[in-house]
């Protein structure tokens, strides 16, 4: 899944203010994980894609509870 947040949505927030992302997901059996990568101001990127600097957040490993759950990065 890919999503994009319009720059104007965050334009008035200083760069040093952390932003939280919350997702709701079904914690299915069978393992796996969810991950999120974000456009970063950090000068030490984890990787580049085109001319953007990206960093990855800690992965969320599925536990197989067969329930809907939420997670915040």
Protein backbone atom coordinates (compact mmCIF):
# COMPACT_ATOMS: atom_id res chain seq x y z
CA UNK A 1 0.00 0.00 0.00
CA UNK A 2 1.23 3.46 -0.82
CA UNK A 3 -0.21 6.74 0.35
CA UNK A 4 0.73 10.35 -0.06
CA UNK A 5 0.12 13.23 2.31
CA UNK A 6 -0.25 16.55 0.56
CA UNK A 7 2.61 18.88 1.53
CA UNK A 8 0.14 21.62 2.42
CA UNK A 9 -1.29 19.40 5.19
CA UNK A 10 2.01 19.57 7.08
CA UNK A 11 3.36 22.89 5.81
CA UNK A 12 2.81 24.80 9.08
CA UNK A 13 4.40 22.16 11.32
CA UNK A 14 8.09 22.72 12.18
CA UNK A 15 10.45 20.03 10.86
CA UNK A 16 11.53 18.98 14.37
CA UNK A 17 7.97 18.10 15.49
CA UNK A 18 7.38 14.32 15.29
CA UNK A 19 4.33 13.09 13.38
CA UNK A 20 2.41 9.96 14.44
CA UNK A 21 0.82 7.55 11.96
CA UNK A 22 -1.88 5.18 13.25
CA UNK A 23 -3.15 2.20 11.27
CA UNK A 24 -5.93 -0.29 11.90
CA UNK A 25 -5.13 -3.79 10.65
CA UNK A 26 -6.34 -7.37 10.88
CA UNK A 27 -3.79 -9.43 12.81
CA UNK A 28 -4.00 -12.54 10.63
CA UNK A 29 -2.48 -15.95 11.28
CA UNK A 30 0.50 -16.91 9.21
CA UNK A 31 2.97 -14.30 10.32
CA UNK A 32 4.34 -11.39 8.39
CA UNK A 33 4.80 -7.77 9.20
CA UNK A 34 3.73 -4.25 8.30
CA UNK A 35 6.23 -1.54 7.62
CA UNK A 36 6.22 2.14 6.87
CA UNK A 37 8.80 4.31 5.16
CA UNK A 38 8.57 8.06 5.11
CA UNK A 39 10.09 11.08 3.40
CA UNK A 40 12.69 12.28 5.88
CA UNK A 41 14.54 15.50 6.63
CA UNK A 42 17.32 13.42 8.21
CA UNK A 43 20.58 14.01 6.30
CA UNK A 44 21.57 10.34 6.91
CA UNK A 45 18.89 8.50 4.91
CA UNK A 46 18.40 4.76 4.96
CA UNK A 47 17.79 4.82 1.23
CA UNK A 48 16.99 7.05 -1.70
CA UNK A 49 14.16 6.72 -4.20
CA UNK A 50 14.46 9.19 -7.02
CA UNK A 51 15.39 12.49 -5.42
CA UNK A 52 13.62 11.76 -2.11
CA UNK A 53 15.25 10.75 1.18
CA UNK A 54 13.45 7.94 3.02
CA UNK A 55 13.71 6.28 6.41
CA UNK A 56 11.95 3.15 7.62
CA UNK A 57 10.10 2.91 10.93
CA UNK A 58 10.36 -0.15 13.18
CA UNK A 59 8.41 -3.06 11.61
CA UNK A 60 5.18 -4.28 13.21
CA UNK A 61 5.19 -8.08 13.37
CA UNK A 62 1.84 -9.84 13.15
CA UNK A 63 1.03 -12.08 16.14
CA UNK A 64 -1.85 -14.09 14.66
CA UNK A 65 -4.52 -13.02 17.17
CA UNK A 66 -7.21 -13.01 14.43
CA UNK A 67 -8.51 -9.65 15.69
CA UNK A 68 -8.58 -6.08 14.46
CA UNK A 69 -5.86 -4.04 16.12
CA UNK A 70 -4.30 -0.59 15.90
CA UNK A 71 -0.68 0.45 15.92
CA UNK A 72 0.94 3.87 16.04
CA UNK A 73 4.37 4.65 14.68
